[in-house]
Amino acid sequence: MAQFENPEFRQKSFWKRPEGVTGALFLGALILGGGYLIIANLPWIISLISNTIYLAILLIVLAAIVYMVLDPRMRNLVWYGYKSIMRWMTGLFVQVDPIGILKSYVEDLQDNLVKMRKQIGVLKGQMRKLQTLVEDNERTIDESMKMASAAREKGMDNQVVLNTRKAARLKDSNEKYQVLLQKMQVMYRILNKMHQNSEILLEDTKDQVQLKEQERKAIRTSHSAMKSAMSVMSGDPDKRAMFDAAMEAVADDVANKVGEMERFMEMSSNLMQSIDLQNGVFEEEGMQMLE
């Protein structure tokens, strides 16, 4: 399983984040509400325009709006404030903090490791049961062949036929069991390897969360909201925003790995449930998943 130390990331646009949905809904509501208010109060607006003083005030407000639209620094400041408000509103209902998301993934990883250990134990028990069954059949085959040989010497043809057929059936079953056992051994090795990689991923993620949490505290202490706003106005990249973008990339990477782990565990669990030790076969779907 690949590690995620300093992962390559492409910063998500605001609209592709959870707060982007909130922002789009809020902006749409703002436009619709503003349009409705203008239409509903059109006579009053016309009367304001007819008054010279009110007209001057309206022109000043309009000039300020035009200035905010045309000036890059002011536009960046307004956009930064809008994104911050939408992120705060979204955070009331949805987890948008990358550190918090990573912590929830750590909990998922710990739960998955417990489930994986249980699956490995169940699989090991099935393998032991199957191996014992093969060994018991081998002993029965030897006994049946000895009895068939003794019956032949005594001229007991019926016993010869019965014992040789029994031995042949058990031999055929053991061949199926051996194939099944080999497949189970492959699955056992894969689960063990995934368990080892998952333990590494868990410790790696816990360590990275701890370090990044300390780093974020240092950034937020030295980089206040006012400094962030001034940085945006001057066109410089905001350290806090870049940090959150990098952490989102890490969280996405861990999410993909947790998803892969859960998918494989689901497949292996379904496969183990489809094992039929009496017939020595997998269900067709289980066989296809393993192969």
C-alpha atoms as a PDB file:
ATOM      1  CA  MET A   1       0.000   0.000   0.000  1.00  0.00           C
ATOM      2  CA  ALA A   2       1.563   3.290  -1.045  1.00  0.00           C
ATOM      3  CA  GLN A   3       2.552   5.805   1.587  1.00  0.00           C
ATOM      4  CA  PHE A   4       1.419   9.401   1.399  1.00  0.00           C
ATOM      5  CA  GLU A   5       4.413  11.383   2.643  1.00  0.00           C
ATOM      6  CA  ASN A   6       4.293  14.760   0.827  1.00  0.00           C
ATOM      7  CA  PRO A   7       1.633  13.644  -1.685  1.00  0.00           C
ATOM      8  CA  GLU A   8       1.200  15.434  -4.990  1.00  0.00           C
ATOM      9  CA  PHE A   9      -1.979  17.451  -4.871  1.00  0.00           C
ATOM     10  CA  ARG A  10      -4.007  19.746  -7.048  1.00  0.00           C
ATOM     11  CA  GLN A  11      -5.796  22.394  -5.032  1.00  0.00           C
ATOM     12  CA  LYS A  12      -9.590  22.034  -5.193  1.00  0.00           C
ATOM     13  CA  SER A  13     -11.562  25.031  -6.338  1.00  0.00           C
ATOM     14  CA  PHE A  14     -13.900  26.605  -3.813  1.00  0.00           C
ATOM     15  CA  TRP A  15     -16.977  25.325  -5.686  1.00  0.00           C
ATOM     16  CA  LYS A  16     -15.830  21.679  -5.477  1.00  0.00           C
ATOM     17  CA  ARG A  17     -15.553  21.756  -1.676  1.00  0.00           C
ATOM     18  CA  PRO A  18     -18.469  21.194   0.736  1.00  0.00           C
ATOM     19  CA  GLU A  19     -18.632  24.920   1.498  1.00  0.00           C
ATOM     20  CA  GLY A  20     -18.883  25.573  -2.265  1.00  0.00           C
ATOM     21  CA  VAL A  21     -22.349  24.002  -2.315  1.00  0.00           C
ATOM     22  CA  THR A  22     -23.406  26.226   0.565  1.00  0.00           C
ATOM     23  CA  GLY A  23     -21.863  29.207  -1.202  1.00  0.00           C
ATOM     24  CA  ALA A  24     -23.678  28.487  -4.464  1.00  0.00           C
ATOM     25  CA  LEU A  25     -27.036  28.117  -2.686  1.00  0.00           C
ATOM     26  CA  PHE A  26     -26.429  31.274  -0.664  1.00  0.00           C
ATOM     27  CA  LEU A  27     -25.365  33.243  -3.747  1.00  0.00           C
ATOM     28  CA  GLY A  28     -28.405  32.040  -5.704  1.00  0.00           C
ATOM     29  CA  ALA A  29     -30.713  32.978  -2.832  1.00  0.00           C
ATOM     30  CA  LEU A  30     -28.988  36.378  -2.576  1.00  0.00           C
ATOM     31  CA  ILE A  31     -29.474  37.089  -6.289  1.00  0.00           C
ATOM     32  CA  LEU A  32     -33.114  35.966  -6.260  1.00  0.00           C
ATOM     33  CA  GLY A  33     -33.834  37.870  -3.062  1.00  0.00           C
ATOM     34  CA  GLY A  34     -32.130  41.008  -4.360  1.00  0.00           C
ATOM     35  CA  GLY A  35     -34.046  40.838  -7.630  1.00  0.00           C
ATOM     36  CA  TYR A  36     -37.326  40.381  -5.789  1.00  0.00           C
ATOM     37  CA  LEU A  37     -36.615  43.343  -3.479  1.00  0.00           C
ATOM     38  CA  ILE A  38     -35.719  45.577  -6.428  1.00  0.00           C
ATOM     39  CA  ILE A  39     -38.907  44.683  -8.300  1.00  0.00           C
ATOM     40  CA  ALA A  40     -41.077  44.930  -5.175  1.00  0.00           C
ATOM     41  CA  ASN A  41     -39.657  48.348  -4.257  1.00  0.00           C
ATOM     42  CA  LEU A  42     -39.304  49.765  -7.761  1.00  0.00           C
ATOM     43  CA  PRO A  43     -41.616  52.769  -7.137  1.00  0.00           C
ATOM     44  CA  TRP A  44     -39.653  53.687  -4.019  1.00  0.00           C
ATOM     45  CA  ILE A  45     -36.340  53.355  -5.907  1.00  0.00           C
ATOM     46  CA  ILE A  46     -37.645  55.622  -8.670  1.00  0.00           C
ATOM     47  CA  SER A  47     -38.666  58.207  -6.080  1.00  0.00           C
ATOM     48  CA  LEU A  48     -35.183  58.034  -4.551  1.00  0.00           C
ATOM     49  CA  ILE A  49     -33.567  58.633  -7.926  1.00  0.00           C
ATOM     50  CA  SER A  50     -35.772  61.674  -8.455  1.00  0.00           C
ATOM     51  CA  ASN A  51     -34.350  63.175  -5.259  1.00  0.00           C
ATOM     52  CA  THR A  52     -30.891  64.722  -5.861  1.00  0.00           C
ATOM     53  CA  ILE A  53     -29.445  63.904  -2.424  1.00  0.00           C
ATOM     54  CA  TYR A  54     -30.634  60.323  -2.473  1.00  0.00           C
ATOM     55  CA  LEU A  55     -29.381  60.009  -6.046  1.00  0.00           C
ATOM     56  CA  ALA A  56     -25.914  61.111  -4.947  1.00  0.00           C
ATOM     57  CA  ILE A  57     -25.901  58.527  -2.150  1.00  0.00           C
ATOM     58  CA  LEU A  58     -26.993  55.807  -4.560  1.00  0.00           C
ATOM     59  CA  LEU A  59     -24.253  56.807  -7.007  1.00  0.00           C
ATOM     60  CA  ILE A  60     -21.646  56.617  -4.235  1.00  0.00           C
ATOM     61  CA  VAL A  61     -22.854  53.143  -3.243  1.00  0.00           C
ATOM     62  CA  LEU A  62     -22.848  52.077  -6.896  1.00  0.00           C
ATOM     63  CA  ALA A  63     -19.326  53.461  -7.352  1.00  0.00           C
ATOM     64  CA  ALA A  64     -18.160  51.489  -4.310  1.00  0.00           C
ATOM     65  CA  ILE A  65     -19.651  48.311  -5.772  1.00  0.00           C
ATOM     66  CA  VAL A  66     -18.019  48.964  -9.150  1.00  0.00           C
ATOM     67  CA  TYR A  67     -14.703  49.625  -7.400  1.00  0.00           C
ATOM     68  CA  MET A  68     -14.933  46.304  -5.537  1.00  0.00           C
ATOM     69  CA  VAL A  69     -15.675  44.506  -8.802  1.00  0.00           C
ATOM     70  CA  LEU A  70     -12.870  46.136 -10.796  1.00  0.00           C
ATOM     71  CA  ASP A  71     -10.097  46.403  -8.191  1.00  0.00           C
ATOM     72  CA  PRO A  72      -8.271  43.024  -7.876  1.00  0.00           C
ATOM     73  CA  ARG A  73      -7.235  43.532  -4.261  1.00  0.00           C
ATOM     74  CA  MET A  74     -10.682  44.546  -3.076  1.00  0.00           C
ATOM     75  CA  ARG A  75     -12.251  41.758  -5.130  1.00  0.00           C
ATOM     76  CA  ASN A  76      -9.902  39.227  -3.520  1.00  0.00           C
ATOM     77  CA  LEU A  77     -10.737  40.547  -0.071  1.00  0.00           C
ATOM     78  CA  VAL A  78     -14.495  40.242  -0.657  1.00  0.00           C
ATOM     79  CA  TRP A  79     -14.054  36.761  -2.163  1.00  0.00           C
ATOM     80  CA  TYR A  80     -11.908  35.697   0.808  1.00  0.00           C
ATOM     81  CA  GLY A  81     -14.523  36.956   3.254  1.00  0.00           C
ATOM     82  CA  TYR A  82     -17.320  35.230   1.342  1.00  0.00           C
ATOM     83  CA  LYS A  83     -15.441  31.901   1.317  1.00  0.00           C
ATOM     84  CA  SER A  84     -14.666  32.199   5.031  1.00  0.00           C
ATOM     85  CA  ILE A  85     -18.325  32.824   5.901  1.00  0.00           C
ATOM     86  CA  MET A  86     -19.525  29.930   3.714  1.00  0.00           C
ATOM     87  CA  ARG A  87     -16.913  27.603   5.234  1.00  0.00           C
ATOM     88  CA  TRP A  88     -18.048  28.579   8.735  1.00  0.00           C
ATOM     89  CA  MET A  89     -21.728  28.031   7.851  1.00  0.00           C
ATOM     90  CA  THR A  90     -20.988  24.640   6.244  1.00  0.00           C
ATOM     91  CA  GLY A  91     -18.907  23.633   9.265  1.00  0.00           C
ATOM     92  CA  LEU A  92     -22.019  23.908  11.432  1.00  0.00           C
ATOM     93  CA  PHE A  93     -23.472  20.846   9.678  1.00  0.00           C
ATOM     94  CA  VAL A  94     -20.609  19.073   7.851  1.00  0.00           C
ATOM     95  CA  GLN A  95     -17.060  18.206   8.868  1.00  0.00           C
ATOM     96  CA  VAL A  96     -14.855  20.430   6.664  1.00  0.00           C
ATOM     97  CA  ASP A  97     -11.755  20.576   8.846  1.00  0.00           C
ATOM     98  CA  PRO A  98      -9.067  18.415   7.152  1.00  0.00           C
ATOM     99  CA  ILE A  99      -7.494  17.527  10.510  1.00  0.00           C
ATOM    100  CA  GLY A 100     -10.890  16.458  11.861  1.00  0.00           C
ATOM    101  CA  ILE A 101     -11.545  14.393   8.730  1.00  0.00           C
ATOM    102  CA  LEU A 102      -8.178  12.660   9.120  1.00  0.00           C
ATOM    103  CA  LYS A 103      -8.962  11.888  12.762  1.00  0.00           C
ATOM    104  CA  SER A 104     -12.215  10.207  11.710  1.00  0.00           C
ATOM    105  CA  TYR A 105     -10.239   8.160   9.165  1.00  0.00           C
ATOM    106  CA  VAL A 106      -7.862   7.089  11.942  1.00  0.00           C
ATOM    107  CA  GLU A 107     -10.874   5.755  13.869  1.00  0.00           C
ATOM    108  CA  ASP A 108     -12.091   3.940  10.741  1.00  0.00           C
ATOM    109  CA  LEU A 109      -8.645   2.400  10.248  1.00  0.00           C
ATOM    110  CA  GLN A 110      -8.575   1.162  13.834  1.00  0.00           C
ATOM    111  CA  ASP A 111     -12.034  -0.409  13.441  1.00  0.00           C
ATOM    112  CA  ASN A 112     -11.024  -2.005  10.135  1.00  0.00           C
ATOM    113  CA  LEU A 113      -7.889  -3.500  11.683  1.00  0.00           C
ATOM    114  CA  VAL A 114      -9.983  -5.154  14.401  1.00  0.00           C
ATOM    115  CA  LYS A 115     -12.349  -6.578  11.758  1.00  0.00           C
ATOM    116  CA  MET A 116      -9.421  -7.707   9.624  1.00  0.00           C
ATOM    117  CA  ARG A 117      -7.798  -9.570  12.530  1.00  0.00           C
ATOM    118  CA  LYS A 118     -11.114 -11.332  13.127  1.00  0.00           C
ATOM    119  CA  GLN A 119     -11.356 -12.303   9.443  1.00  0.00           C
ATOM    120  CA  ILE A 120      -7.785 -13.598   9.461  1.00  0.00           C
ATOM    121  CA  GLY A 121      -8.576 -15.688  12.541  1.00  0.00           C
ATOM    122  CA  VAL A 122     -11.709 -17.142  10.930  1.00  0.00           C
ATOM    123  CA  LEU A 123      -9.793 -17.951   7.739  1.00  0.00           C
ATOM    124  CA  LYS A 124      -6.979 -19.595   9.706  1.00  0.00           C
ATOM    125  CA  GLY A 125      -9.540 -21.735  11.524  1.00  0.00           C
ATOM    126  CA  GLN A 126     -11.139 -22.808   8.232  1.00  0.00           C
ATOM    127  CA  MET A 127      -7.727 -23.710   6.837  1.00  0.00           C
ATOM    128  CA  ARG A 128      -6.937 -25.808   9.905  1.00  0.00           C
ATOM    129  CA  LYS A 129     -10.321 -27.528   9.657  1.00  0.00           C
ATOM    130  CA  LEU A 130      -9.775 -28.277   5.973  1.00  0.00           C
ATOM    131  CA  GLN A 131      -6.249 -29.586   6.570  1.00  0.00           C
ATOM    132  CA  THR A 132      -7.550 -31.906   9.299  1.00  0.00           C
ATOM    133  CA  LEU A 133     -10.281 -33.123   6.947  1.00  0.00           C
ATOM    134  CA  VAL A 134      -7.689 -33.948   4.255  1.00  0.00           C
ATOM    135  CA  GLU A 135      -5.522 -35.829   6.766  1.00  0.00           C
ATOM    136  CA  ASP A 136      -8.528 -37.805   8.068  1.00  0.00           C
ATOM    137  CA  ASN A 137      -9.473 -38.711   4.498  1.00  0.00           C
ATOM    138  CA  GLU A 138      -5.919 -39.878   3.794  1.00  0.00           C
ATOM    139  CA  ARG A 139      -6.075 -42.225   6.779  1.00  0.00           C
ATOM    140  CA  THR A 140      -9.493 -43.508   5.695  1.00  0.00           C
ATOM    141  CA  ILE A 141      -8.184 -44.084   2.146  1.00  0.00           C
ATOM    142  CA  ASP A 142      -5.282 -46.167   3.508  1.00  0.00           C
ATOM    143  CA  GLU A 143      -7.642 -48.183   5.705  1.00  0.00           C
ATOM    144  CA  SER A 144     -10.096 -48.756   2.819  1.00  0.00           C
ATOM    145  CA  MET A 145      -7.327 -49.941   0.489  1.00  0.00           C
ATOM    146  CA  LYS A 146      -6.001 -52.324   3.158  1.00  0.00           C
ATOM    147  CA  MET A 147      -9.518 -53.696   3.679  1.00  0.00           C
ATOM    148  CA  ALA A 148      -9.980 -54.067  -0.101  1.00  0.00           C
ATOM    149  CA  SER A 149      -6.671 -55.944  -0.344  1.00  0.00           C
ATOM    150  CA  ALA A 150      -7.657 -58.279   2.511  1.00  0.00           C
ATOM    151  CA  ALA A 151     -11.102 -58.842   0.957  1.00  0.00           C
ATOM    152  CA  ARG A 152      -9.509 -59.751  -2.396  1.00  0.00           C
ATOM    153  CA  GLU A 153      -7.358 -62.400  -0.701  1.00  0.00           C
ATOM    154  CA  LYS A 154     -10.494 -63.890   0.842  1.00  0.00           C
ATOM    155  CA  GLY A 155     -12.461 -63.688  -2.398  1.00  0.00           C
ATOM    156  CA  MET A 156     -14.966 -61.147  -1.028  1.00  0.00           C
ATOM    157  CA  ASP A 157     -15.581 -59.253  -4.261  1.00  0.00           C
ATOM    158  CA  ASN A 158     -18.399 -57.093  -2.878  1.00  0.00           C
ATOM    159  CA  GLN A 159     -16.151 -55.722  -0.129  1.00  0.00           C
ATOM    160  CA  VAL A 160     -13.398 -55.100  -2.657  1.00  0.00           C
ATOM    161  CA  VAL A 161     -15.759 -52.987  -4.792  1.00  0.00           C
ATOM    162  CA  LEU A 162     -17.191 -51.060  -1.830  1.00  0.00           C
ATOM    163  CA  ASN A 163     -13.820 -50.208  -0.267  1.00  0.00           C
ATOM    164  CA  THR A 164     -12.107 -49.255  -3.532  1.00  0.00           C
ATOM    165  CA  ARG A 165     -15.014 -47.002  -4.494  1.00  0.00           C
ATOM    166  CA  LYS A 166     -14.933 -45.372  -1.081  1.00  0.00           C
ATOM    167  CA  ALA A 167     -11.200 -44.764  -1.415  1.00  0.00           C
ATOM    168  CA  ALA A 168     -11.679 -43.320  -4.929  1.00  0.00           C
ATOM    169  CA  ARG A 169     -14.394 -40.925  -3.749  1.00  0.00           C
ATOM    170  CA  LEU A 170     -12.271 -39.715  -0.846  1.00  0.00           C
ATOM    171  CA  LYS A 171      -9.272 -39.260  -3.133  1.00  0.00           C
ATOM    172  CA  ASP A 172     -11.384 -37.162  -5.502  1.00  0.00           C
ATOM    173  CA  SER A 173     -12.630 -35.078  -2.561  1.00  0.00           C
ATOM    174  CA  ASN A 174      -9.084 -34.548  -1.302  1.00  0.00           C
ATOM    175  CA  GLU A 175      -8.012 -33.252  -4.709  1.00  0.00           C
ATOM    176  CA  LYS A 176     -10.778 -30.641  -4.515  1.00  0.00           C
ATOM    177  CA  TYR A 177      -9.832 -29.834  -0.929  1.00  0.00           C
ATOM    178  CA  GLN A 178      -6.191 -29.315  -1.912  1.00  0.00           C
ATOM    179  CA  VAL A 179      -7.198 -26.810  -4.600  1.00  0.00           C
ATOM    180  CA  LEU A 180      -9.452 -25.052  -2.102  1.00  0.00           C
ATOM    181  CA  LEU A 181      -6.698 -25.029   0.516  1.00  0.00           C
ATOM    182  CA  GLN A 182      -4.249 -23.430  -1.908  1.00  0.00           C
ATOM    183  CA  LYS A 183      -6.727 -20.637  -2.671  1.00  0.00           C
ATOM    184  CA  MET A 184      -7.328 -20.074   1.030  1.00  0.00           C
ATOM    185  CA  GLN A 185      -3.576 -19.869   1.622  1.00  0.00           C
ATOM    186  CA  VAL A 186      -3.318 -17.194  -1.073  1.00  0.00           C
ATOM    187  CA  MET A 187      -6.120 -15.238   0.588  1.00  0.00           C
ATOM    188  CA  TYR A 188      -4.452 -15.658   3.975  1.00  0.00           C
ATOM    189  CA  ARG A 189      -1.181 -14.206   2.659  1.00  0.00           C
ATOM    190  CA  ILE A 190      -3.018 -11.285   1.031  1.00  0.00           C
ATOM    191  CA  LEU A 191      -4.953 -10.485   4.213  1.00  0.00           C
ATOM    192  CA  ASN A 192      -1.784 -10.673   6.286  1.00  0.00           C
ATOM    193  CA  LYS A 193       0.030  -8.338   3.897  1.00  0.00           C
ATOM    194  CA  MET A 194      -2.875  -5.912   3.888  1.00  0.00           C
ATOM    195  CA  HIS A 195      -2.979  -6.029   7.688  1.00  0.00           C
ATOM    196  CA  GLN A 196       0.721  -5.138   7.873  1.00  0.00           C
ATOM    197  CA  ASN A 197       0.306  -2.260   5.401  1.00  0.00           C
ATOM    198  CA  SER A 198      -2.795  -1.045   7.236  1.00  0.00           C
ATOM    199  CA  GLU A 199      -0.896  -0.930  10.522  1.00  0.00           C
ATOM    200  CA  ILE A 200       1.804   1.164   8.826  1.00  0.00           C
ATOM    201  CA  LEU A 201      -0.845   3.438   7.296  1.00  0.00           C
ATOM    202  CA  LEU A 202      -2.550   3.853  10.681  1.00  0.00           C
ATOM    203  CA  GLU A 203       0.645   4.804  12.519  1.00  0.00           C
ATOM    204  CA  ASP A 204       1.704   7.047   9.616  1.00  0.00           C
ATOM    205  CA  THR A 205      -1.633   8.845   9.618  1.00  0.00           C
ATOM    206  CA  LYS A 206      -1.694   9.268  13.408  1.00  0.00           C
ATOM    207  CA  ASP A 207       1.838  10.690  13.334  1.00  0.00           C
ATOM    208  CA  GLN A 208       1.013  13.019  10.442  1.00  0.00           C
ATOM    209  CA  VAL A 209      -2.181  14.243  12.114  1.00  0.00           C
ATOM    210  CA  GLN A 210      -0.245  15.051  15.280  1.00  0.00           C
ATOM    211  CA  LEU A 211       2.492  16.923  13.402  1.00  0.00           C
ATOM    212  CA  LYS A 212       0.071  18.803  11.143  1.00  0.00           C
ATOM    213  CA  GLU A 213      -2.085  19.764  14.117  1.00  0.00           C
ATOM    214  CA  GLN A 214       0.944  21.353  15.766  1.00  0.00           C
ATOM    215  CA  GLU A 215       1.893  23.010  12.478  1.00  0.00           C
ATOM    216  CA  ARG A 216      -1.596  24.439  12.054  1.00  0.00           C
ATOM    217  CA  LYS A 217      -1.577  25.843  15.579  1.00  0.00           C
ATOM    218  CA  ALA A 218       1.718  27.568  14.838  1.00  0.00           C
ATOM    219  CA  ILE A 219       0.387  28.964  11.546  1.00  0.00           C
ATOM    220  CA  ARG A 220      -2.822  30.232  13.131  1.00  0.00           C
ATOM    221  CA  THR A 221      -0.933  31.795  16.018  1.00  0.00           C
ATOM    222  CA  SER A 222       1.477  33.672  13.765  1.00  0.00           C
ATOM    223  CA  HIS A 223      -0.960  34.310  10.935  1.00  0.00           C
ATOM    224  CA  SER A 224      -4.115  35.950  12.202  1.00  0.00           C
ATOM    225  CA  ALA A 225      -7.278  36.404  10.185  1.00  0.00           C
ATOM    226  CA  MET A 226      -6.390  40.058   9.578  1.00  0.00           C
ATOM    227  CA  LYS A 227      -2.971  39.104   8.195  1.00  0.00           C
ATOM    228  CA  SER A 228      -4.662  36.533   5.976  1.00  0.00           C
ATOM    229  CA  ALA A 229      -7.001  39.182   4.610  1.00  0.00           C
ATOM    230  CA  MET A 230      -4.126  41.615   3.980  1.00  0.00           C
ATOM    231  CA  SER A 231      -2.159  38.826   2.317  1.00  0.00           C
ATOM    232  CA  VAL A 232      -5.079  38.114  -0.001  1.00  0.00           C
ATOM    233  CA  MET A 233      -5.449  41.813  -0.808  1.00  0.00           C
ATOM    234  CA  SER A 234      -1.786  42.051  -1.793  1.00  0.00           C
ATOM    235  CA  GLY A 235      -2.091  38.968  -4.000  1.00  0.00           C
ATOM    236  CA  ASP A 236       0.199  36.770  -1.855  1.00  0.00           C
ATOM    237  CA  PRO A 237      -0.850  33.149  -1.219  1.00  0.00           C
ATOM    238  CA  ASP A 238      -2.502  32.696   2.141  1.00  0.00           C
ATOM    239  CA  LYS A 239      -0.511  30.192   4.248  1.00  0.00           C
ATOM    240  CA  ARG A 240      -3.568  28.942   6.098  1.00  0.00           C
ATOM    241  CA  ALA A 241      -5.477  28.319   2.861  1.00  0.00           C
ATOM    242  CA  MET A 242      -2.487  26.530   1.322  1.00  0.00           C
ATOM    243  CA  PHE A 243      -2.098  24.415   4.462  1.00  0.00           C
ATOM    244  CA  ASP A 244      -5.783  23.412   4.379  1.00  0.00           C
ATOM    245  CA  ALA A 245      -5.514  22.588   0.660  1.00  0.00           C
ATOM    246  CA  ALA A 246      -2.501  20.347   1.287  1.00  0.00           C
ATOM    247  CA  MET A 247      -4.271  18.619   4.172  1.00  0.00           C
ATOM    248  CA  GLU A 248      -7.354  18.047   2.016  1.00  0.00           C
ATOM    249  CA  ALA A 249      -5.122  16.223  -0.477  1.00  0.00           C
ATOM    250  CA  VAL A 250      -3.746  14.046   2.336  1.00  0.00           C
ATOM    251  CA  ALA A 251      -7.283  13.356   3.608  1.00  0.00           C
ATOM    252  CA  ASP A 252      -8.428  12.357   0.094  1.00  0.00           C
ATOM    253  CA  ASP A 253      -5.439  10.011  -0.243  1.00  0.00           C
ATOM    254  CA  VAL A 254      -6.184   8.330   3.090  1.00  0.00           C
ATOM    255  CA  ALA A 255      -9.887   8.121   2.194  1.00  0.00           C
ATOM    256  CA  ASN A 256      -9.047   6.228  -0.999  1.00  0.00           C
ATOM    257  CA  LYS A 257      -6.864   3.758   0.919  1.00  0.00           C
ATOM    258  CA  VAL A 258      -9.516   3.209   3.597  1.00  0.00           C
ATOM    259  CA  GLY A 259     -12.072   2.629   0.833  1.00  0.00           C
ATOM    260  CA  GLU A 260      -9.822   0.078  -0.887  1.00  0.00           C
ATOM    261  CA  MET A 261      -9.293  -1.725   2.410  1.00  0.00           C
ATOM    262  CA  GLU A 262     -13.012  -1.865   3.193  1.00  0.00           C
ATOM    263  CA  ARG A 263     -13.806  -3.096  -0.329  1.00  0.00           C
ATOM    264  CA  PHE A 264     -11.282  -5.927  -0.098  1.00  0.00           C
ATOM    265  CA  MET A 265     -12.479  -6.879   3.386  1.00  0.00           C
ATOM    266  CA  GLU A 266     -16.060  -7.007   2.099  1.00  0.00           C
ATOM    267  CA  MET A 267     -14.998  -9.217  -0.818  1.00  0.00           C
ATOM    268  CA  SER A 268     -12.952 -11.557   1.365  1.00  0.00           C
ATOM    269  CA  SER A 269     -15.776 -11.769   3.926  1.00  0.00           C
ATOM    270  CA  ASN A 270     -18.295 -12.719   1.228  1.00  0.00           C
ATOM    271  CA  LEU A 271     -15.838 -15.229  -0.168  1.00  0.00           C
ATOM    272  CA  MET A 272     -15.255 -16.934   3.186  1.00  0.00           C
ATOM    273  CA  GLN A 273     -19.002 -17.193   3.721  1.00  0.00           C
ATOM    274  CA  SER A 274     -19.304 -18.987   0.376  1.00  0.00           C
ATOM    275  CA  ILE A 275     -16.794 -21.714   1.305  1.00  0.00           C
ATOM    276  CA  ASP A 276     -18.405 -25.188   1.416  1.00  0.00           C
ATOM    277  CA  LEU A 277     -16.033 -27.590   3.113  1.00  0.00           C
ATOM    278  CA  GLN A 278     -18.244 -30.583   2.434  1.00  0.00           C
ATOM    279  CA  ASN A 279     -18.280 -30.071  -1.331  1.00  0.00           C
ATOM    280  CA  GLY A 280     -14.879 -28.432  -1.537  1.00  0.00           C
ATOM    281  CA  VAL A 281     -16.046 -25.629  -3.812  1.00  0.00           C
ATOM    282  CA  PHE A 282     -16.552 -21.859  -3.853  1.00  0.00           C
ATOM    283  CA  GLU A 283     -19.710 -20.227  -5.022  1.00  0.00           C
ATOM    284  CA  GLU A 284     -19.219 -18.927  -8.547  1.00  0.00           C
ATOM    285  CA  GLU A 285     -19.210 -15.275  -7.479  1.00  0.00           C
ATOM    286  CA  GLY A 286     -16.672 -15.946  -4.728  1.00  0.00           C
ATOM    287  CA  MET A 287     -14.401 -17.823  -7.128  1.00  0.00           C
ATOM    288  CA  GLN A 288     -14.466 -14.925  -9.603  1.00  0.00           C
ATOM    289  CA  MET A 289     -13.635 -12.379  -6.897  1.00  0.00           C
ATOM    290  CA  LEU A 290     -10.629 -14.351  -5.694  1.00  0.00           C
ATOM    291  CA  GLU A 291      -9.261 -15.026  -9.171  1.00  0.00           C
END
